[in-house]
Amino acid sequence: MKRTLILATILSLPALGLADDNKTLSQRASAAATSVEQGTKDAAEAVVNATTNAWNSTKAYITQDPAEFREGAERKIKELADDIDQLKGASKGELASREYFGTRVRALHEQLAFARNELRKMPQDKKDFPDARKRMNNTLDGLEGAVSEAQKEARSGK
């Protein structure tokens, strides 16, 4: 990402030179770097926002087939577990000074364990499945939202 930022800054310098001759080269480079950095942050946030709603848009979210739902929910739980593991690394690295962030990541692990347990309890019969599916969807939606918030903080905390 730093290479991209530097390259974009260097490539934008000639265009900046035409725009404002009153600024020094270092001022123009700084302005270009700030602009590229903000664009990169905006793009990263757009990706996270798009994936945040991923569970809601899956076929498994609305299916009436318990086996299909279970398979989709297991996939989603694995994705969220991977995201939480990445956050755990961030809580030991750049965000280590924020003790509460480590606590937040531990809470996400607990929430993930709860979701896994709830999925194990999902009924196989179609009679009790709709209500259980709604509860499981709420559980996954909540976990997904909590992970997304932690990811936003991890990105802004760097």
N, C-alpha and C. Protein backbone atom coordinates (compact mmCIF):
# COMPACT_ATOMS: atom_id res chain seq x y z
N MET A 1 0.83 -1.19 0.00
CA MET A 1 0.00 0.00 0.00
C MET A 1 0.88 1.25 0.00
N LYS A 2 2.01 1.20 0.72
CA LYS A 2 2.89 2.35 0.76
C LYS A 2 3.51 2.59 -0.62
N ARG A 3 3.85 1.49 -1.31
CA ARG A 3 4.40 1.64 -2.66
C ARG A 3 3.40 2.31 -3.59
N THR A 4 2.15 1.88 -3.47
CA THR A 4 1.09 2.46 -4.29
C THR A 4 0.95 3.95 -4.00
N LEU A 5 1.00 4.29 -2.73
CA LEU A 5 0.87 5.68 -2.32
C LEU A 5 2.02 6.51 -2.87
N ILE A 6 3.23 6.00 -2.76
CA ILE A 6 4.40 6.73 -3.26
C ILE A 6 4.34 6.87 -4.77
N LEU A 7 4.00 5.77 -5.45
CA LEU A 7 3.91 5.82 -6.91
C LEU A 7 2.84 6.80 -7.38
N ALA A 8 1.69 6.75 -6.75
CA ALA A 8 0.61 7.66 -7.12
C ALA A 8 1.01 9.11 -6.87
N THR A 9 1.72 9.34 -5.79
CA THR A 9 2.18 10.69 -5.47
C THR A 9 3.15 11.19 -6.52
N ILE A 10 4.10 10.36 -6.87
CA ILE A 10 5.10 10.76 -7.87
C ILE A 10 4.45 11.03 -9.22
N LEU A 11 3.53 10.14 -9.61
CA LEU A 11 2.87 10.31 -10.90
C LEU A 11 1.96 11.53 -10.95
N SER A 12 1.47 11.95 -9.82
CA SER A 12 0.57 13.10 -9.81
C SER A 12 1.29 14.43 -9.68
N LEU A 13 2.57 14.41 -9.43
CA LEU A 13 3.32 15.66 -9.25
C LEU A 13 3.27 16.57 -10.48
N PRO A 14 3.47 16.05 -11.69
CA PRO A 14 3.40 16.97 -12.84
C PRO A 14 2.04 17.66 -12.97
N ALA A 15 0.98 16.94 -12.72
CA ALA A 15 -0.36 17.54 -12.81
C ALA A 15 -0.53 18.62 -11.75
N LEU A 16 0.00 18.37 -10.58
CA LEU A 16 -0.10 19.36 -9.52
C LEU A 16 0.71 20.61 -9.85
N GLY A 17 1.81 20.42 -10.56
CA GLY A 17 2.64 21.56 -10.94
C GLY A 17 1.90 22.52 -11.85
N LEU A 18 1.03 22.00 -12.69
CA LEU A 18 0.26 22.85 -13.58
C LEU A 18 -0.86 23.56 -12.84
N ALA A 19 -1.34 22.97 -11.77
CA ALA A 19 -2.49 23.52 -11.06
C ALA A 19 -2.16 24.72 -10.20
N ASP A 20 -1.01 24.70 -9.53
CA ASP A 20 -0.72 25.77 -8.60
C ASP A 20 0.78 26.00 -8.53
N ASP A 21 1.25 27.02 -9.21
CA ASP A 21 2.68 27.31 -9.26
C ASP A 21 3.17 28.03 -8.01
N ASN A 22 2.28 28.47 -7.14
CA ASN A 22 2.68 29.19 -5.94
C ASN A 22 3.14 28.27 -4.82
N LYS A 23 2.84 26.97 -4.91
CA LYS A 23 3.21 26.04 -3.86
C LYS A 23 4.57 25.41 -4.19
N THR A 24 5.31 25.11 -3.14
CA THR A 24 6.59 24.45 -3.34
C THR A 24 6.35 22.99 -3.72
N LEU A 25 7.40 22.37 -4.24
CA LEU A 25 7.29 20.98 -4.65
C LEU A 25 6.91 20.09 -3.46
N SER A 26 7.49 20.34 -2.30
CA SER A 26 7.17 19.51 -1.14
C SER A 26 5.72 19.72 -0.69
N GLN A 27 5.20 20.93 -0.81
CA GLN A 27 3.81 21.18 -0.45
C GLN A 27 2.87 20.45 -1.42
N ARG A 28 3.22 20.48 -2.70
CA ARG A 28 2.39 19.80 -3.69
C ARG A 28 2.45 18.28 -3.49
N ALA A 29 3.64 17.77 -3.18
CA ALA A 29 3.78 16.34 -2.93
C ALA A 29 2.98 15.92 -1.70
N SER A 30 3.02 16.74 -0.67
CA SER A 30 2.27 16.44 0.54
C SER A 30 0.77 16.43 0.27
N ALA A 31 0.31 17.40 -0.50
CA ALA A 31 -1.12 17.47 -0.84
C ALA A 31 -1.53 16.25 -1.67
N ALA A 32 -0.67 15.86 -2.60
CA ALA A 32 -0.97 14.69 -3.43
C ALA A 32 -1.02 13.43 -2.58
N ALA A 33 -0.06 13.30 -1.66
CA ALA A 33 -0.02 12.12 -0.80
C ALA A 33 -1.26 12.04 0.07
N THR A 34 -1.70 13.16 0.59
CA THR A 34 -2.89 13.21 1.43
C THR A 34 -4.12 12.80 0.61
N SER A 35 -4.21 13.31 -0.60
CA SER A 35 -5.34 12.98 -1.47
C SER A 35 -5.38 11.49 -1.81
N VAL A 36 -4.22 10.94 -2.15
CA VAL A 36 -4.16 9.51 -2.48
C VAL A 36 -4.46 8.66 -1.26
N GLU A 37 -3.95 9.05 -0.11
CA GLU A 37 -4.20 8.30 1.12
C GLU A 37 -5.69 8.28 1.45
N GLN A 38 -6.35 9.41 1.31
CA GLN A 38 -7.79 9.47 1.59
C GLN A 38 -8.56 8.60 0.60
N GLY A 39 -8.16 8.64 -0.67
CA GLY A 39 -8.81 7.80 -1.68
C GLY A 39 -8.65 6.33 -1.37
N THR A 40 -7.48 5.95 -0.91
CA THR A 40 -7.22 4.56 -0.55
C THR A 40 -8.07 4.14 0.64
N LYS A 41 -8.17 5.00 1.64
CA LYS A 41 -9.01 4.70 2.81
C LYS A 41 -10.48 4.55 2.41
N ASP A 42 -10.94 5.45 1.54
CA ASP A 42 -12.33 5.39 1.09
C ASP A 42 -12.61 4.09 0.34
N ALA A 43 -11.66 3.68 -0.50
CA ALA A 43 -11.83 2.43 -1.25
C ALA A 43 -11.86 1.23 -0.32
N ALA A 44 -10.98 1.21 0.67
CA ALA A 44 -10.95 0.10 1.63
C ALA A 44 -12.26 0.04 2.41
N GLU A 45 -12.78 1.19 2.80
CA GLU A 45 -14.03 1.21 3.55
C GLU A 45 -15.19 0.73 2.68
N ALA A 46 -15.18 1.07 1.41
CA ALA A 46 -16.24 0.61 0.51
C ALA A 46 -16.24 -0.91 0.39
N VAL A 47 -15.05 -1.51 0.34
CA VAL A 47 -14.95 -2.97 0.26
C VAL A 47 -15.51 -3.60 1.53
N VAL A 48 -15.14 -3.06 2.67
CA VAL A 48 -15.64 -3.61 3.94
C VAL A 48 -17.15 -3.47 4.02
N ASN A 49 -17.67 -2.33 3.61
CA ASN A 49 -19.13 -2.13 3.67
C ASN A 49 -19.84 -3.09 2.74
N ALA A 50 -19.26 -3.37 1.60
CA ALA A 50 -19.87 -4.31 0.66
C ALA A 50 -19.89 -5.72 1.24
N THR A 51 -18.82 -6.12 1.91
CA THR A 51 -18.77 -7.47 2.47
C THR A 51 -19.55 -7.57 3.77
N THR A 52 -19.78 -6.45 4.43
CA THR A 52 -20.53 -6.47 5.68
C THR A 52 -21.93 -7.03 5.46
N ASN A 53 -22.53 -6.70 4.37
CA ASN A 53 -23.88 -7.15 4.09
C ASN A 53 -23.91 -8.46 3.31
N ALA A 54 -22.80 -9.13 3.25
CA ALA A 54 -22.70 -10.35 2.45
C ALA A 54 -23.63 -11.46 2.96
N TRP A 55 -23.71 -11.66 4.26
CA TRP A 55 -24.56 -12.73 4.77
C TRP A 55 -26.02 -12.49 4.40
N ASN A 56 -26.47 -11.26 4.50
CA ASN A 56 -27.87 -10.94 4.17
C ASN A 56 -28.20 -11.23 2.71
N SER A 57 -27.21 -11.18 1.85
CA SER A 57 -27.47 -11.35 0.43
C SER A 57 -27.21 -12.77 -0.07
N THR A 58 -26.88 -13.69 0.82
CA THR A 58 -26.63 -15.06 0.38
C THR A 58 -27.93 -15.83 0.25
N LYS A 59 -27.87 -16.87 -0.56
CA LYS A 59 -29.02 -17.75 -0.71
C LYS A 59 -29.31 -18.48 0.60
N ALA A 60 -28.25 -18.81 1.33
CA ALA A 60 -28.42 -19.54 2.60
C ALA A 60 -29.23 -18.73 3.60
N TYR A 61 -29.12 -17.41 3.56
CA TYR A 61 -29.81 -16.54 4.51
C TYR A 61 -31.33 -16.76 4.48
N ILE A 62 -31.86 -17.02 3.32
CA ILE A 62 -33.32 -17.12 3.19
C ILE A 62 -33.84 -18.53 2.90
N THR A 63 -32.93 -19.48 2.74
CA THR A 63 -33.36 -20.82 2.36
C THR A 63 -34.25 -21.48 3.41
N GLN A 64 -35.10 -22.36 2.94
CA GLN A 64 -35.95 -23.15 3.84
C GLN A 64 -35.35 -24.54 4.06
N ASP A 65 -34.22 -24.81 3.43
CA ASP A 65 -33.55 -26.11 3.54
C ASP A 65 -32.51 -26.06 4.66
N PRO A 66 -32.71 -26.79 5.75
CA PRO A 66 -31.77 -26.75 6.87
C PRO A 66 -30.32 -27.09 6.48
N ALA A 67 -30.14 -28.06 5.59
CA ALA A 67 -28.78 -28.46 5.19
C ALA A 67 -28.08 -27.33 4.43
N GLU A 68 -28.81 -26.69 3.54
CA GLU A 68 -28.23 -25.58 2.77
C GLU A 68 -27.91 -24.39 3.68
N PHE A 69 -28.81 -24.13 4.61
CA PHE A 69 -28.57 -23.04 5.56
C PHE A 69 -27.33 -23.32 6.39
N ARG A 70 -27.23 -24.53 6.92
CA ARG A 70 -26.11 -24.91 7.78
C ARG A 70 -24.79 -24.74 7.01
N GLU A 71 -24.77 -25.19 5.77
CA GLU A 71 -23.55 -25.09 4.96
C GLU A 71 -23.15 -23.62 4.76
N GLY A 72 -24.11 -22.79 4.42
CA GLY A 72 -23.82 -21.36 4.23
C GLY A 72 -23.40 -20.68 5.52
N ALA A 73 -24.06 -21.02 6.62
CA ALA A 73 -23.73 -20.42 7.91
C ALA A 73 -22.33 -20.85 8.36
N GLU A 74 -21.98 -22.11 8.12
CA GLU A 74 -20.63 -22.58 8.47
C GLU A 74 -19.57 -21.82 7.68
N ARG A 75 -19.83 -21.58 6.41
CA ARG A 75 -18.89 -20.79 5.58
C ARG A 75 -18.74 -19.38 6.13
N LYS A 76 -19.87 -18.77 6.49
CA LYS A 76 -19.84 -17.41 7.01
C LYS A 76 -19.10 -17.36 8.34
N ILE A 77 -19.33 -18.33 9.20
CA ILE A 77 -18.64 -18.36 10.48
C ILE A 77 -17.14 -18.50 10.27
N LYS A 78 -16.73 -19.30 9.31
CA LYS A 78 -15.29 -19.45 9.03
C LYS A 78 -14.70 -18.13 8.55
N GLU A 79 -15.42 -17.42 7.67
CA GLU A 79 -14.94 -16.11 7.19
C GLU A 79 -14.79 -15.14 8.36
N LEU A 80 -15.78 -15.11 9.23
CA LEU A 80 -15.73 -14.21 10.38
C LEU A 80 -14.61 -14.60 11.34
N ALA A 81 -14.37 -15.90 11.50
CA ALA A 81 -13.28 -16.35 12.36
C ALA A 81 -11.93 -15.88 11.80
N ASP A 82 -11.78 -15.94 10.48
CA ASP A 82 -10.54 -15.45 9.85
C ASP A 82 -10.38 -13.94 10.08
N ASP A 83 -11.49 -13.20 9.95
CA ASP A 83 -11.44 -11.75 10.18
C ASP A 83 -11.05 -11.44 11.63
N ILE A 84 -11.60 -12.21 12.56
CA ILE A 84 -11.29 -11.99 13.97
C ILE A 84 -9.82 -12.31 14.25
N ASP A 85 -9.32 -13.35 13.61
CA ASP A 85 -7.89 -13.68 13.79
C ASP A 85 -7.00 -12.55 13.29
N GLN A 86 -7.38 -11.91 12.19
CA GLN A 86 -6.62 -10.76 11.69
C GLN A 86 -6.68 -9.61 12.69
N LEU A 87 -7.84 -9.40 13.27
CA LEU A 87 -7.98 -8.34 14.28
C LEU A 87 -7.15 -8.65 15.52
N LYS A 88 -7.03 -9.94 15.85
CA LYS A 88 -6.22 -10.33 16.99
C LYS A 88 -4.77 -9.93 16.76
N GLY A 89 -4.30 -10.10 15.53
CA GLY A 89 -2.94 -9.67 15.19
C GLY A 89 -2.79 -8.17 15.31
N ALA A 90 -3.80 -7.43 14.91
CA ALA A 90 -3.75 -5.97 15.01
C ALA A 90 -3.74 -5.53 16.47
N SER A 91 -4.45 -6.27 17.31
CA SER A 91 -4.51 -5.88 18.73
C SER A 91 -3.19 -6.13 19.44
N LYS A 92 -2.33 -6.95 18.85
CA LYS A 92 -1.00 -7.19 19.43
C LYS A 92 0.03 -6.27 18.78
N GLY A 93 -0.32 -5.69 17.65
CA GLY A 93 0.62 -4.85 16.93
C GLY A 93 0.39 -3.39 17.19
N GLU A 94 -0.10 -2.72 16.17
CA GLU A 94 -0.24 -1.26 16.21
C GLU A 94 -1.28 -0.78 17.22
N LEU A 95 -2.23 -1.60 17.52
CA LEU A 95 -3.29 -1.18 18.46
C LEU A 95 -3.05 -1.72 19.87
N ALA A 96 -1.85 -2.22 20.13
CA ALA A 96 -1.55 -2.82 21.44
C ALA A 96 -1.70 -1.82 22.58
N SER A 97 -1.52 -0.54 22.29
CA SER A 97 -1.65 0.47 23.35
C SER A 97 -3.10 0.67 23.78
N ARG A 98 -4.03 0.18 22.98
CA ARG A 98 -5.45 0.30 23.31
C ARG A 98 -5.92 -1.01 23.95
N GLU A 99 -5.85 -1.07 25.25
CA GLU A 99 -6.20 -2.29 25.96
C GLU A 99 -7.63 -2.74 25.65
N TYR A 100 -8.50 -1.79 25.51
CA TYR A 100 -9.90 -2.13 25.24
C TYR A 100 -10.06 -2.84 23.90
N PHE A 101 -9.15 -2.57 22.95
CA PHE A 101 -9.26 -3.23 21.64
C PHE A 101 -9.00 -4.73 21.79
N GLY A 102 -8.04 -5.09 22.62
CA GLY A 102 -7.79 -6.51 22.91
C GLY A 102 -9.01 -7.15 23.55
N THR A 103 -9.65 -6.41 24.44
CA THR A 103 -10.87 -6.90 25.09
C THR A 103 -11.97 -7.07 24.05
N ARG A 104 -12.05 -6.16 23.12
CA ARG A 104 -13.05 -6.23 22.05
C ARG A 104 -12.84 -7.48 21.20
N VAL A 105 -11.59 -7.78 20.89
CA VAL A 105 -11.29 -8.96 20.07
C VAL A 105 -11.62 -10.23 20.85
N ARG A 106 -11.33 -10.26 22.14
CA ARG A 106 -11.69 -11.43 22.96
C ARG A 106 -13.21 -11.60 22.99
N ALA A 107 -13.92 -10.50 23.08
CA ALA A 107 -15.39 -10.56 23.05
C ALA A 107 -15.89 -11.10 21.71
N LEU A 108 -15.23 -10.72 20.63
CA LEU A 108 -15.61 -11.25 19.32
C LEU A 108 -15.39 -12.77 19.27
N HIS A 109 -14.32 -13.24 19.88
CA HIS A 109 -14.08 -14.69 19.95
C HIS A 109 -15.20 -15.38 20.72
N GLU A 110 -15.65 -14.76 21.81
CA GLU A 110 -16.76 -15.33 22.58
C GLU A 110 -18.05 -15.33 21.77
N GLN A 111 -18.29 -14.26 21.05
CA GLN A 111 -19.48 -14.16 20.22
C GLN A 111 -19.42 -15.21 19.10
N LEU A 112 -18.23 -15.43 18.55
CA LEU A 112 -18.04 -16.45 17.52
C LEU A 112 -18.32 -17.85 18.09
N ALA A 113 -17.84 -18.13 19.30
CA ALA A 113 -18.10 -19.42 19.94
C ALA A 113 -19.60 -19.61 20.16
N PHE A 114 -20.28 -18.54 20.54
CA PHE A 114 -21.73 -18.60 20.72
C PHE A 114 -22.43 -18.95 19.41
N ALA A 115 -22.00 -18.29 18.32
CA ALA A 115 -22.60 -18.56 17.00
C ALA A 115 -22.38 -20.01 16.59
N ARG A 116 -21.19 -20.52 16.82
CA ARG A 116 -20.91 -21.92 16.48
C ARG A 116 -21.81 -22.86 17.28
N ASN A 117 -21.99 -22.56 18.55
CA ASN A 117 -22.83 -23.38 19.41
C ASN A 117 -24.29 -23.32 18.96
N GLU A 118 -24.75 -22.15 18.61
CA GLU A 118 -26.13 -22.00 18.13
C GLU A 118 -26.34 -22.76 16.83
N LEU A 119 -25.34 -22.76 15.98
CA LEU A 119 -25.45 -23.50 14.71
C LEU A 119 -25.54 -25.00 14.98
N ARG A 120 -24.79 -25.49 15.94
CA ARG A 120 -24.86 -26.92 16.29
C ARG A 120 -26.25 -27.31 16.79
N LYS A 121 -26.94 -26.36 17.42
CA LYS A 121 -28.27 -26.65 17.97
C LYS A 121 -29.40 -26.49 16.95
N MET A 122 -29.05 -26.08 15.73
CA MET A 122 -30.10 -25.87 14.71
C MET A 122 -30.85 -27.17 14.45
N PRO A 123 -32.18 -27.12 14.41
CA PRO A 123 -32.97 -28.33 14.17
C PRO A 123 -32.82 -28.81 12.72
N GLN A 124 -32.95 -30.11 12.55
CA GLN A 124 -32.88 -30.70 11.20
C GLN A 124 -34.25 -30.71 10.52
N ASP A 125 -35.31 -30.77 11.33
CA ASP A 125 -36.65 -30.84 10.73
C ASP A 125 -37.11 -29.46 10.27
N LYS A 126 -37.93 -29.47 9.26
CA LYS A 126 -38.38 -28.21 8.65
C LYS A 126 -39.45 -27.50 9.49
N LYS A 127 -40.04 -28.20 10.44
CA LYS A 127 -41.10 -27.60 11.25
C LYS A 127 -40.53 -26.51 12.17
N ASP A 128 -39.46 -26.83 12.88
CA ASP A 128 -38.87 -25.88 13.84
C ASP A 128 -37.80 -25.00 13.20
N PHE A 129 -37.47 -25.28 11.98
CA PHE A 129 -36.36 -24.58 11.33
C PHE A 129 -36.57 -23.08 11.12
N PRO A 130 -37.73 -22.60 10.66
CA PRO A 130 -37.86 -21.16 10.37
C PRO A 130 -37.53 -20.24 11.55
N ASP A 131 -38.02 -20.56 12.73
CA ASP A 131 -37.72 -19.72 13.90
C ASP A 131 -36.24 -19.80 14.27
N ALA A 132 -35.69 -20.99 14.20
CA ALA A 132 -34.26 -21.16 14.51
C ALA A 132 -33.40 -20.42 13.48
N ARG A 133 -33.83 -20.45 12.24
CA ARG A 133 -33.09 -19.74 11.18
C ARG A 133 -33.09 -18.23 11.45
N LYS A 134 -34.21 -17.69 11.86
CA LYS A 134 -34.28 -16.26 12.17
C LYS A 134 -33.33 -15.90 13.31
N ARG A 135 -33.32 -16.72 14.36
CA ARG A 135 -32.41 -16.47 15.48
C ARG A 135 -30.95 -16.55 15.05
N MET A 136 -30.65 -17.55 14.22
CA MET A 136 -29.27 -17.71 13.76
C MET A 136 -28.88 -16.56 12.84
N ASN A 137 -29.78 -16.12 12.00
CA ASN A 137 -29.50 -14.97 11.14
C ASN A 137 -29.20 -13.73 11.98
N ASN A 138 -29.98 -13.52 13.04
CA ASN A 138 -29.73 -12.38 13.93
C ASN A 138 -28.36 -12.50 14.60
N THR A 139 -28.01 -13.72 15.00
CA THR A 139 -26.70 -13.96 15.62
C THR A 139 -25.58 -13.62 14.65
N LEU A 140 -25.69 -14.11 13.42
CA LEU A 140 -24.65 -13.85 12.41
C LEU A 140 -24.61 -12.38 11.99
N ASP A 141 -25.78 -11.77 11.88
CA ASP A 141 -25.82 -10.34 11.55
C ASP A 141 -25.11 -9.52 12.64
N GLY A 142 -25.39 -9.84 13.90
CA GLY A 142 -24.75 -9.12 15.00
C GLY A 142 -23.25 -9.31 15.03
N LEU A 143 -22.80 -10.54 14.82
CA LEU A 143 -21.37 -10.83 14.80
C LEU A 143 -20.70 -10.12 13.63
N GLU A 144 -21.34 -10.18 12.49
CA GLU A 144 -20.80 -9.52 11.30
C GLU A 144 -20.66 -8.01 11.52
N GLY A 145 -21.66 -7.41 12.13
CA GLY A 145 -21.61 -5.98 12.41
C GLY A 145 -20.52 -5.63 13.42
N ALA A 146 -20.37 -6.45 14.45
CA ALA A 146 -19.33 -6.20 15.45
C ALA A 146 -17.93 -6.32 14.85
N VAL A 147 -17.74 -7.31 13.99
CA VAL A 147 -16.44 -7.48 13.32
C VAL A 147 -16.17 -6.29 12.41
N SER A 148 -17.19 -5.84 11.71
CA SER A 148 -17.03 -4.70 10.81
C SER A 148 -16.61 -3.44 11.57
N GLU A 149 -17.24 -3.20 12.72
CA GLU A 149 -16.88 -2.03 13.53
C GLU A 149 -15.44 -2.12 14.01
N ALA A 150 -15.02 -3.30 14.43
CA ALA A 150 -13.64 -3.47 14.89
C ALA A 150 -12.66 -3.28 13.73
N GLN A 151 -13.04 -3.76 12.55
CA GLN A 151 -12.18 -3.56 11.37
C GLN A 151 -12.04 -2.09 11.03
N LYS A 152 -13.12 -1.34 11.14
CA LYS A 152 -13.06 0.11 10.88
C LYS A 152 -12.10 0.78 11.84
N GLU A 153 -12.19 0.40 13.10
CA GLU A 153 -11.29 1.00 14.09
C GLU A 153 -9.84 0.60 13.83
N ALA A 154 -9.64 -0.64 13.45
CA ALA A 154 -8.27 -1.10 13.17
C ALA A 154 -7.68 -0.33 11.99
N ARG A 155 -8.50 -0.06 10.98
CA ARG A 155 -8.02 0.72 9.82
C ARG A 155 -7.72 2.16 10.21
N SER A 156 -8.57 2.75 11.03
CA SER A 156 -8.37 4.16 11.40
C SER A 156 -7.30 4.32 12.46
N GLY A 157 -6.98 3.24 13.18
CA GLY A 157 -5.99 3.31 14.24
C GLY A 157 -4.56 3.14 13.77
N LYS A 158 -4.37 2.88 12.51
CA LYS A 158 -3.01 2.66 11.99
C LYS A 158 -2.30 3.94 11.72
